[in-house]
Amino acid sequence: MVVTVVYLIVVYDMRADRTRLMLNFLRKYLTHVQNSVFEGEVTEGDLETIRNHTESLLNPEESVIIYRVGSAQYVDRTVIGDDPTDDARFL
C-alpha cells in the first residue's frame, strides 16, 4: 500500500475566544508557524480528518482555508526574521 503525503498550509479565522480550539487540534498534525497559520506534510487520511474536524469546529462567520501542495519542494518559502519551523525539529 502506497501512502500519499501532501504538503498543506492551513489558515483559519475564528473569534478570538475560540482560536485555542483550532490551535490545539491542528498542532496534532502540522507545525504552527504564525498566529492562525500552520504548515506541514500529512497523509491523505490525515487531510480528510483535518477537513472533517475543522468543519465541525466552525461557527457561522468563521473560516478555514487549506492550501494543498503536492510537496514542500513546490513551495517557494521565504521567511524574513526568525523562522518558527526551525524550532519544530526539536519539540
PDB file of N, CA and C in Angstrom:
ATOM      1  N   MET A   1       0.839  -1.178   0.000  1.00  0.00           N
ATOM      2  CA  MET A   1       0.000   0.000   0.000  1.00  0.00           C
ATOM      3  C   MET A   1       0.886   1.245   0.000  1.00  0.00           C
ATOM      4  N   VAL A   2       0.604   2.161  -0.898  1.00  0.00           N
ATOM      5  CA  VAL A   2       1.356   3.399  -1.006  1.00  0.00           C
ATOM      6  C   VAL A   2       0.630   4.496  -0.235  1.00  0.00           C
ATOM      7  N   VAL A   3       1.351   5.164   0.646  1.00  0.00           N
ATOM      8  CA  VAL A   3       0.785   6.272   1.418  1.00  0.00           C
ATOM      9  C   VAL A   3       1.174   7.565   0.722  1.00  0.00           C
ATOM     10  N   THR A   4       0.180   8.329   0.312  1.00  0.00           N
ATOM     11  CA  THR A   4       0.428   9.601  -0.347  1.00  0.00           C
ATOM     12  C   THR A   4       0.556  10.694   0.707  1.00  0.00           C
ATOM     13  N   VAL A   5       1.626  11.464   0.590  1.00  0.00           N
ATOM     14  CA  VAL A   5       1.868  12.575   1.517  1.00  0.00           C
ATOM     15  C   VAL A   5       1.683  13.874   0.754  1.00  0.00           C
ATOM     16  N   VAL A   6       0.973  14.808   1.358  1.00  0.00           N
ATOM     17  CA  VAL A   6       0.753  16.119   0.752  1.00  0.00           C
ATOM     18  C   VAL A   6       1.235  17.202   1.708  1.00  0.00           C
ATOM     19  N   TYR A   7       1.586  18.331   1.147  1.00  0.00           N
ATOM     20  CA  TYR A   7       2.031  19.479   1.939  1.00  0.00           C
ATOM     21  C   TYR A   7       0.864  20.446   2.043  1.00  0.00           C
ATOM     22  N   LEU A   8       0.560  20.875   3.258  1.00  0.00           N
ATOM     23  CA  LEU A   8      -0.562  21.780   3.494  1.00  0.00           C
ATOM     24  C   LEU A   8      -0.114  23.084   4.126  1.00  0.00           C
ATOM     25  N   ILE A   9      -0.834  24.129   3.790  1.00  0.00           N
ATOM     26  CA  ILE A   9      -0.789  25.384   4.527  1.00  0.00           C
ATOM     27  C   ILE A   9      -2.231  25.633   4.945  1.00  0.00           C
ATOM     28  N   VAL A  10      -2.454  25.771   6.238  1.00  0.00           N
ATOM     29  CA  VAL A  10      -3.805  25.957   6.764  1.00  0.00           C
ATOM     30  C   VAL A  10      -3.867  27.302   7.480  1.00  0.00           C
ATOM     31  N   VAL A  11      -4.865  28.087   7.108  1.00  0.00           N
ATOM     32  CA  VAL A  11      -5.073  29.413   7.677  1.00  0.00           C
ATOM     33  C   VAL A  11      -6.502  29.456   8.208  1.00  0.00           C
ATOM     34  N   TYR A  12      -6.672  29.939   9.418  1.00  0.00           N
ATOM     35  CA  TYR A  12      -8.039  29.998   9.945  1.00  0.00           C
ATOM     36  C   TYR A  12      -8.352  31.359  10.530  1.00  0.00           C
ATOM     37  N   ASP A  13      -9.638  31.668  10.535  1.00  0.00           N
ATOM     38  CA  ASP A  13     -10.145  32.927  11.070  1.00  0.00           C
ATOM     39  C   ASP A  13     -11.331  32.582  11.967  1.00  0.00           C
ATOM     40  N   MET A  14     -11.107  32.705  13.261  1.00  0.00           N
ATOM     41  CA  MET A  14     -12.145  32.381  14.249  1.00  0.00           C
ATOM     42  C   MET A  14     -12.203  33.492  15.277  1.00  0.00           C
ATOM     43  N   ARG A  15     -13.308  33.538  16.007  1.00  0.00           N
ATOM     44  CA  ARG A  15     -13.391  34.507  17.101  1.00  0.00           C
ATOM     45  C   ARG A  15     -12.232  34.284  18.058  1.00  0.00           C
ATOM     46  N   ALA A  16     -11.714  35.350  18.602  1.00  0.00           N
ATOM     47  CA  ALA A  16     -10.512  35.286  19.455  1.00  0.00           C
ATOM     48  C   ALA A  16     -10.669  34.318  20.622  1.00  0.00           C
ATOM     49  N   ASP A  17     -11.840  34.244  21.206  1.00  0.00           N
ATOM     50  CA  ASP A  17     -12.032  33.358  22.350  1.00  0.00           C
ATOM     51  C   ASP A  17     -12.146  31.881  21.957  1.00  0.00           C
ATOM     52  N   ARG A  18     -12.158  31.591  20.644  1.00  0.00           N
ATOM     53  CA  ARG A  18     -12.292  30.212  20.168  1.00  0.00           C
ATOM     54  C   ARG A  18     -11.058  29.694  19.420  1.00  0.00           C
ATOM     55  N   THR A  19     -10.074  30.548  19.198  1.00  0.00           N
ATOM     56  CA  THR A  19      -8.920  30.133  18.398  1.00  0.00           C
ATOM     57  C   THR A  19      -8.159  28.970  19.027  1.00  0.00           C
ATOM     58  N   ARG A  20      -8.171  28.869  20.331  1.00  0.00           N
ATOM     59  CA  ARG A  20      -7.456  27.785  21.017  1.00  0.00           C
ATOM     60  C   ARG A  20      -7.957  26.409  20.574  1.00  0.00           C
ATOM     61  N   LEU A  21      -9.244  26.285  20.257  1.00  0.00           N
ATOM     62  CA  LEU A  21      -9.796  25.009  19.778  1.00  0.00           C
ATOM     63  C   LEU A  21      -9.069  24.539  18.517  1.00  0.00           C
ATOM     64  N   MET A  22      -8.946  25.439  17.546  1.00  0.00           N
ATOM     65  CA  MET A  22      -8.299  25.084  16.284  1.00  0.00           C
ATOM     66  C   MET A  22      -6.797  24.912  16.487  1.00  0.00           C
ATOM     67  N   LEU A  23      -6.198  25.766  17.271  1.00  0.00           N
ATOM     68  CA  LEU A  23      -4.770  25.687  17.556  1.00  0.00           C
ATOM     69  C   LEU A  23      -4.406  24.321  18.128  1.00  0.00           C
ATOM     70  N   ASN A  24      -5.111  23.891  19.137  1.00  0.00           N
ATOM     71  CA  ASN A  24      -4.815  22.606  19.771  1.00  0.00           C
ATOM     72  C   ASN A  24      -5.034  21.438  18.824  1.00  0.00           C
ATOM     73  N   PHE A  25      -6.064  21.507  18.000  1.00  0.00           N
ATOM     74  CA  PHE A  25      -6.326  20.420  17.053  1.00  0.00           C
ATOM     75  C   PHE A  25      -5.240  20.351  15.975  1.00  0.00           C
ATOM     76  N   LEU A  26      -4.953  21.473  15.328  1.00  0.00           N
ATOM     77  CA  LEU A  26      -4.000  21.453  14.212  1.00  0.00           C
ATOM     78  C   LEU A  26      -2.581  21.114  14.653  1.00  0.00           C
ATOM     79  N   ARG A  27      -2.218  21.420  15.889  1.00  0.00           N
ATOM     80  CA  ARG A  27      -0.882  21.075  16.397  1.00  0.00           C
ATOM     81  C   ARG A  27      -0.628  19.565  16.377  1.00  0.00           C
ATOM     82  N   LYS A  28      -1.662  18.774  16.352  1.00  0.00           N
ATOM     83  CA  LYS A  28      -1.512  17.317  16.289  1.00  0.00           C
ATOM     84  C   LYS A  28      -0.968  16.864  14.935  1.00  0.00           C
ATOM     85  N   TYR A  29      -1.140  17.688  13.897  1.00  0.00           N
ATOM     86  CA  TYR A  29      -0.805  17.289  12.541  1.00  0.00           C
ATOM     87  C   TYR A  29       0.238  18.171  11.848  1.00  0.00           C
ATOM     88  N   LEU A  30       0.268  19.447  12.204  1.00  0.00           N
ATOM     89  CA  LEU A  30       1.068  20.421  11.462  1.00  0.00           C
ATOM     90  C   LEU A  30       1.915  21.274  12.394  1.00  0.00           C
ATOM     91  N   THR A  31       2.809  22.061  11.800  1.00  0.00           N
ATOM     92  CA  THR A  31       3.662  22.973  12.554  1.00  0.00           C
ATOM     93  C   THR A  31       3.015  24.356  12.599  1.00  0.00           C
ATOM     94  N   HIS A  32       2.918  24.918  13.783  1.00  0.00           N
ATOM     95  CA  HIS A  32       2.352  26.256  13.982  1.00  0.00           C
ATOM     96  C   HIS A  32       3.423  27.265  13.606  1.00  0.00           C
ATOM     97  N   VAL A  33       3.184  28.045  12.538  1.00  0.00           N
ATOM     98  CA  VAL A  33       4.215  28.965  12.062  1.00  0.00           C
ATOM     99  C   VAL A  33       3.916  30.432  12.343  1.00  0.00           C
ATOM    100  N   GLN A  34       2.668  30.778  12.519  1.00  0.00           N
ATOM    101  CA  GLN A  34       2.278  32.141  12.882  1.00  0.00           C
ATOM    102  C   GLN A  34       0.883  32.084  13.465  1.00  0.00           C
ATOM    103  N   ASN A  35       0.422  33.208  14.003  1.00  0.00           N
ATOM    104  CA  ASN A  35      -0.960  33.238  14.505  1.00  0.00           C
ATOM    105  C   ASN A  35      -1.893  32.740  13.418  1.00  0.00           C
ATOM    106  N   SER A  36      -2.658  31.723  13.718  1.00  0.00           N
ATOM    107  CA  SER A  36      -3.672  31.170  12.820  1.00  0.00           C
ATOM    108  C   SER A  36      -3.121  30.586  11.530  1.00  0.00           C
ATOM    109  N   VAL A  37      -1.838  30.218  11.494  1.00  0.00           N
ATOM    110  CA  VAL A  37      -1.235  29.631  10.296  1.00  0.00           C
ATOM    111  C   VAL A  37      -0.432  28.394  10.683  1.00  0.00           C
ATOM    112  N   PHE A  38      -0.700  27.305   9.960  1.00  0.00           N
ATOM    113  CA  PHE A  38       0.016  26.044  10.148  1.00  0.00           C
ATOM    114  C   PHE A  38       0.496  25.552   8.801  1.00  0.00           C
ATOM    115  N   GLU A  39       1.552  24.727   8.816  1.00  0.00           N
ATOM    116  CA  GLU A  39       2.002  24.099   7.575  1.00  0.00           C
ATOM    117  C   GLU A  39       2.682  22.777   7.897  1.00  0.00           C
ATOM    118  N   GLY A  40       2.789  21.944   6.884  1.00  0.00           N
ATOM    119  CA  GLY A  40       3.500  20.687   7.056  1.00  0.00           C
ATOM    120  C   GLY A  40       2.961  19.591   6.168  1.00  0.00           C
ATOM    121  N   GLU A  41       3.610  18.427   6.254  1.00  0.00           N
ATOM    122  CA  GLU A  41       3.233  17.270   5.464  1.00  0.00           C
ATOM    123  C   GLU A  41       2.304  16.362   6.258  1.00  0.00           C
ATOM    124  N   VAL A  42       1.269  15.877   5.589  1.00  0.00           N
ATOM    125  CA  VAL A  42       0.317  14.940   6.192  1.00  0.00           C
ATOM    126  C   VAL A  42      -0.054  13.887   5.154  1.00  0.00           C
ATOM    127  N   THR A  43      -0.619  12.800   5.623  1.00  0.00           N
ATOM    128  CA  THR A  43      -1.134  11.783   4.705  1.00  0.00           C
ATOM    129  C   THR A  43      -2.508  12.213   4.202  1.00  0.00           C
ATOM    130  N   GLU A  44      -2.974  11.532   3.159  1.00  0.00           N
ATOM    131  CA  GLU A  44      -4.325  11.802   2.649  1.00  0.00           C
ATOM    132  C   GLU A  44      -5.364  11.549   3.743  1.00  0.00           C
ATOM    133  N   GLY A  45      -5.141  10.505   4.549  1.00  0.00           N
ATOM    134  CA  GLY A  45      -6.063  10.206   5.648  1.00  0.00           C
ATOM    135  C   GLY A  45      -6.103  11.318   6.676  1.00  0.00           C
ATOM    136  N   ASP A  46      -4.917  11.855   7.012  1.00  0.00           N
ATOM    137  CA  ASP A  46      -4.864  12.983   7.953  1.00  0.00           C
ATOM    138  C   ASP A  46      -5.554  14.205   7.364  1.00  0.00           C
ATOM    139  N   LEU A  47      -5.383  14.433   6.072  1.00  0.00           N
ATOM    140  CA  LEU A  47      -6.031  15.563   5.415  1.00  0.00           C
ATOM    141  C   LEU A  47      -7.543  15.450   5.537  1.00  0.00           C
ATOM    142  N   GLU A  48      -8.068  14.265   5.329  1.00  0.00           N
ATOM    143  CA  GLU A  48      -9.508  14.060   5.455  1.00  0.00           C
ATOM    144  C   GLU A  48      -9.971  14.320   6.891  1.00  0.00           C
ATOM    145  N   THR A  49      -9.193  13.857   7.857  1.00  0.00           N
ATOM    146  CA  THR A  49      -9.513  14.107   9.268  1.00  0.00           C
ATOM    147  C   THR A  49      -9.495  15.600   9.562  1.00  0.00           C
ATOM    148  N   ILE A  50      -8.479  16.302   9.063  1.00  0.00           N
ATOM    149  CA  ILE A  50      -8.375  17.753   9.272  1.00  0.00           C
ATOM    150  C   ILE A  50      -9.583  18.458   8.679  1.00  0.00           C
ATOM    151  N   ARG A  51      -9.951  18.097   7.452  1.00  0.00           N
ATOM    152  CA  ARG A  51     -11.114  18.734   6.807  1.00  0.00           C
ATOM    153  C   ARG A  51     -12.386  18.516   7.622  1.00  0.00           C
ATOM    154  N   ASN A  52     -12.630  17.277   7.991  1.00  0.00           N
ATOM    155  CA  ASN A  52     -13.866  16.960   8.710  1.00  0.00           C
ATOM    156  C   ASN A  52     -13.922  17.623  10.085  1.00  0.00           C
ATOM    157  N   HIS A  53     -12.828  17.556  10.822  1.00  0.00           N
ATOM    158  CA  HIS A  53     -12.860  18.102  12.187  1.00  0.00           C
ATOM    159  C   HIS A  53     -12.898  19.630  12.184  1.00  0.00           C
ATOM    160  N   THR A  54     -12.165  20.261  11.279  1.00  0.00           N
ATOM    161  CA  THR A  54     -12.204  21.727  11.244  1.00  0.00           C
ATOM    162  C   THR A  54     -13.600  22.209  10.895  1.00  0.00           C
ATOM    163  N   GLU A  55     -14.265  21.510   9.996  1.00  0.00           N
ATOM    164  CA  GLU A  55     -15.632  21.890   9.645  1.00  0.00           C
ATOM    165  C   GLU A  55     -16.549  21.797  10.864  1.00  0.00           C
ATOM    166  N   SER A  56     -16.348  20.780  11.677  1.00  0.00           N
ATOM    167  CA  SER A  56     -17.194  20.611  12.860  1.00  0.00           C
ATOM    168  C   SER A  56     -16.908  21.661  13.944  1.00  0.00           C
ATOM    169  N   LEU A  57     -15.714  22.253  13.933  1.00  0.00           N
ATOM    170  CA  LEU A  57     -15.359  23.262  14.935  1.00  0.00           C
ATOM    171  C   LEU A  57     -15.888  24.653  14.609  1.00  0.00           C
ATOM    172  N   LEU A  58     -16.186  24.901  13.347  1.00  0.00           N
ATOM    173  CA  LEU A  58     -16.519  26.261  12.919  1.00  0.00           C
ATOM    174  C   LEU A  58     -17.928  26.693  13.298  1.00  0.00           C
ATOM    175  N   ASN A  59     -18.025  27.948  13.670  1.00  0.00           N
ATOM    176  CA  ASN A  59     -19.308  28.625  13.868  1.00  0.00           C
ATOM    177  C   ASN A  59     -19.560  29.498  12.653  1.00  0.00           C
ATOM    178  N   PRO A  60     -20.804  29.971  12.475  1.00  0.00           N
ATOM    179  CA  PRO A  60     -21.062  30.908  11.374  1.00  0.00           C
ATOM    180  C   PRO A  60     -20.089  32.094  11.419  1.00  0.00           C
ATOM    181  N   GLU A  61     -19.684  32.543  10.266  1.00  0.00           N
ATOM    182  CA  GLU A  61     -18.776  33.672  10.072  1.00  0.00           C
ATOM    183  C   GLU A  61     -17.327  33.351  10.434  1.00  0.00           C
ATOM    184  N   GLU A  62     -16.990  32.081  10.636  1.00  0.00           N
ATOM    185  CA  GLU A  62     -15.606  31.650  10.833  1.00  0.00           C
ATOM    186  C   GLU A  62     -15.205  30.836   9.610  1.00  0.00           C
ATOM    187  N   SER A  63     -13.899  30.768   9.349  1.00  0.00           N
ATOM    188  CA  SER A  63     -13.468  30.045   8.154  1.00  0.00           C
ATOM    189  C   SER A  63     -12.087  29.426   8.317  1.00  0.00           C
ATOM    190  N   VAL A  64     -11.841  28.420   7.491  1.00  0.00           N
ATOM    191  CA  VAL A  64     -10.540  27.769   7.389  1.00  0.00           C
ATOM    192  C   VAL A  64     -10.220  27.665   5.903  1.00  0.00           C
ATOM    193  N   ILE A  65      -8.999  28.011   5.542  1.00  0.00           N
ATOM    194  CA  ILE A  65      -8.535  27.841   4.164  1.00  0.00           C
ATOM    195  C   ILE A  65      -7.397  26.835   4.192  1.00  0.00           C
ATOM    196  N   ILE A  66      -7.525  25.785   3.376  1.00  0.00           N
ATOM    197  CA  ILE A  66      -6.495  24.755   3.283  1.00  0.00           C
ATOM    198  C   ILE A  66      -5.885  24.837   1.890  1.00  0.00           C
ATOM    199  N   TYR A  67      -4.603  25.166   1.844  1.00  0.00           N
ATOM    200  CA  TYR A  67      -3.858  25.169   0.591  1.00  0.00           C
ATOM    201  C   TYR A  67      -3.137  23.834   0.503  1.00  0.00           C
ATOM    202  N   ARG A  68      -3.424  23.078  -0.511  1.00  0.00           N
ATOM    203  CA  ARG A  68      -2.804  21.768  -0.697  1.00  0.00           C
ATOM    204  C   ARG A  68      -1.772  21.877  -1.816  1.00  0.00           C
ATOM    205  N   VAL A  69      -0.551  21.451  -1.519  1.00  0.00           N
ATOM    206  CA  VAL A  69       0.544  21.482  -2.480  1.00  0.00           C
ATOM    207  C   VAL A  69       1.083  20.066  -2.572  1.00  0.00           C
ATOM    208  N   GLY A  70       1.484  19.636  -3.757  1.00  0.00           N
ATOM    209  CA  GLY A  70       1.957  18.268  -3.946  1.00  0.00           C
ATOM    210  C   GLY A  70       3.049  17.868  -2.968  1.00  0.00           C
ATOM    211  N   SER A  71       3.990  18.763  -2.721  1.00  0.00           N
ATOM    212  CA  SER A  71       5.045  18.511  -1.734  1.00  0.00           C
ATOM    213  C   SER A  71       5.708  19.837  -1.384  1.00  0.00           C
ATOM    214  N   ALA A  72       6.522  19.810  -0.336  1.00  0.00           N
ATOM    215  CA  ALA A  72       7.193  21.035   0.109  1.00  0.00           C
ATOM    216  C   ALA A  72       8.124  21.595  -0.957  1.00  0.00           C
ATOM    217  N   GLN A  73       8.612  20.740  -1.865  1.00  0.00           N
ATOM    218  CA  GLN A  73       9.547  21.214  -2.888  1.00  0.00           C
ATOM    219  C   GLN A  73       8.901  22.193  -3.866  1.00  0.00           C
ATOM    220  N   TYR A  74       7.563  22.228  -3.920  1.00  0.00           N
ATOM    221  CA  TYR A  74       6.867  23.131  -4.824  1.00  0.00           C
ATOM    222  C   TYR A  74       6.489  24.449  -4.166  1.00  0.00           C
ATOM    223  N   VAL A  75       6.911  24.659  -2.942  1.00  0.00           N
ATOM    224  CA  VAL A  75       6.610  25.893  -2.224  1.00  0.00           C
ATOM    225  C   VAL A  75       7.865  26.741  -2.188  1.00  0.00           C
ATOM    226  N   ASP A  76       7.765  27.943  -2.727  1.00  0.00           N
ATOM    227  CA  ASP A  76       8.877  28.889  -2.638  1.00  0.00           C
ATOM    228  C   ASP A  76       8.631  29.698  -1.371  1.00  0.00           C
ATOM    229  N   ARG A  77       9.281  29.282  -0.302  1.00  0.00           N
ATOM    230  CA  ARG A  77       9.013  29.837   1.027  1.00  0.00           C
ATOM    231  C   ARG A  77      10.152  30.750   1.444  1.00  0.00           C
ATOM    232  N   THR A  78       9.830  32.005   1.705  1.00  0.00           N
ATOM    233  CA  THR A  78      10.814  32.974   2.163  1.00  0.00           C
ATOM    234  C   THR A  78      10.376  33.486   3.527  1.00  0.00           C
ATOM    235  N   VAL A  79      11.260  33.398   4.499  1.00  0.00           N
ATOM    236  CA  VAL A  79      10.967  33.903   5.834  1.00  0.00           C
ATOM    237  C   VAL A  79      11.910  35.060   6.111  1.00  0.00           C
ATOM    238  N   ILE A  80      11.348  36.168   6.522  1.00  0.00           N
ATOM    239  CA  ILE A  80      12.135  37.324   6.915  1.00  0.00           C
ATOM    240  C   ILE A  80      12.016  37.424   8.425  1.00  0.00           C
ATOM    241  N   GLY A  81      13.104  37.313   9.130  1.00  0.00           N
ATOM    242  CA  GLY A  81      13.077  37.260  10.589  1.00  0.00           C
ATOM    243  C   GLY A  81      13.266  35.824  11.051  1.00  0.00           C
ATOM    244  N   ASP A  82      12.873  35.535  12.276  1.00  0.00           N
ATOM    245  CA  ASP A  82      13.029  34.193  12.837  1.00  0.00           C
ATOM    246  C   ASP A  82      12.040  33.235  12.188  1.00  0.00           C
ATOM    247  N   ASP A  83      12.536  32.075  11.785  1.00  0.00           N
ATOM    248  CA  ASP A  83      11.686  31.052  11.173  1.00  0.00           C
ATOM    249  C   ASP A  83      11.141  30.137  12.270  1.00  0.00           C
ATOM    250  N   PRO A  84       9.838  30.164  12.509  1.00  0.00           N
ATOM    251  CA  PRO A  84       9.276  29.345  13.581  1.00  0.00           C
ATOM    252  C   PRO A  84       9.424  27.845  13.326  1.00  0.00           C
ATOM    253  N   THR A  85       9.629  27.418  12.103  1.00  0.00           N
ATOM    254  CA  THR A  85       9.777  25.993  11.831  1.00  0.00           C
ATOM    255  C   THR A  85      11.148  25.474  12.250  1.00  0.00           C
ATOM    256  N   ASP A  86      12.115  26.331  12.453  1.00  0.00           N
ATOM    257  CA  ASP A  86      13.436  25.892  12.903  1.00  0.00           C
ATOM    258  C   ASP A  86      13.341  25.196  14.250  1.00  0.00           C
ATOM    259  N   ASP A  87      12.491  25.680  15.138  1.00  0.00           N
ATOM    260  CA  ASP A  87      12.335  25.097  16.468  1.00  0.00           C
ATOM    261  C   ASP A  87      11.504  23.817  16.450  1.00  0.00           C
ATOM    262  N   ALA A  88      10.690  23.624  15.412  1.00  0.00           N
ATOM    263  CA  ALA A  88       9.782  22.467  15.366  1.00  0.00           C
ATOM    264  C   ALA A  88      10.532  21.145  15.359  1.00  0.00           C
ATOM    265  N   ARG A  89      11.742  21.117  14.841  1.00  0.00           N
ATOM    266  CA  ARG A  89      12.506  19.876  14.788  1.00  0.00           C
ATOM    267  C   ARG A  89      12.916  19.416  16.175  1.00  0.00           C
ATOM    268  N   PHE A  90      12.934  20.299  17.143  1.00  0.00           N
ATOM    269  CA  PHE A  90      13.442  19.969  18.457  1.00  0.00           C
ATOM    270  C   PHE A  90      12.364  19.745  19.500  1.00  0.00           C
ATOM    271  N   LEU A  91      11.091  19.745  19.084  1.00  0.00           N
ATOM    272  CA  LEU A  91       9.998  19.540  20.041  1.00  0.00           C
ATOM    273  C   LEU A  91       9.913  18.109  20.484  1.00  0.00           C
TER     274      LEU A  91
END
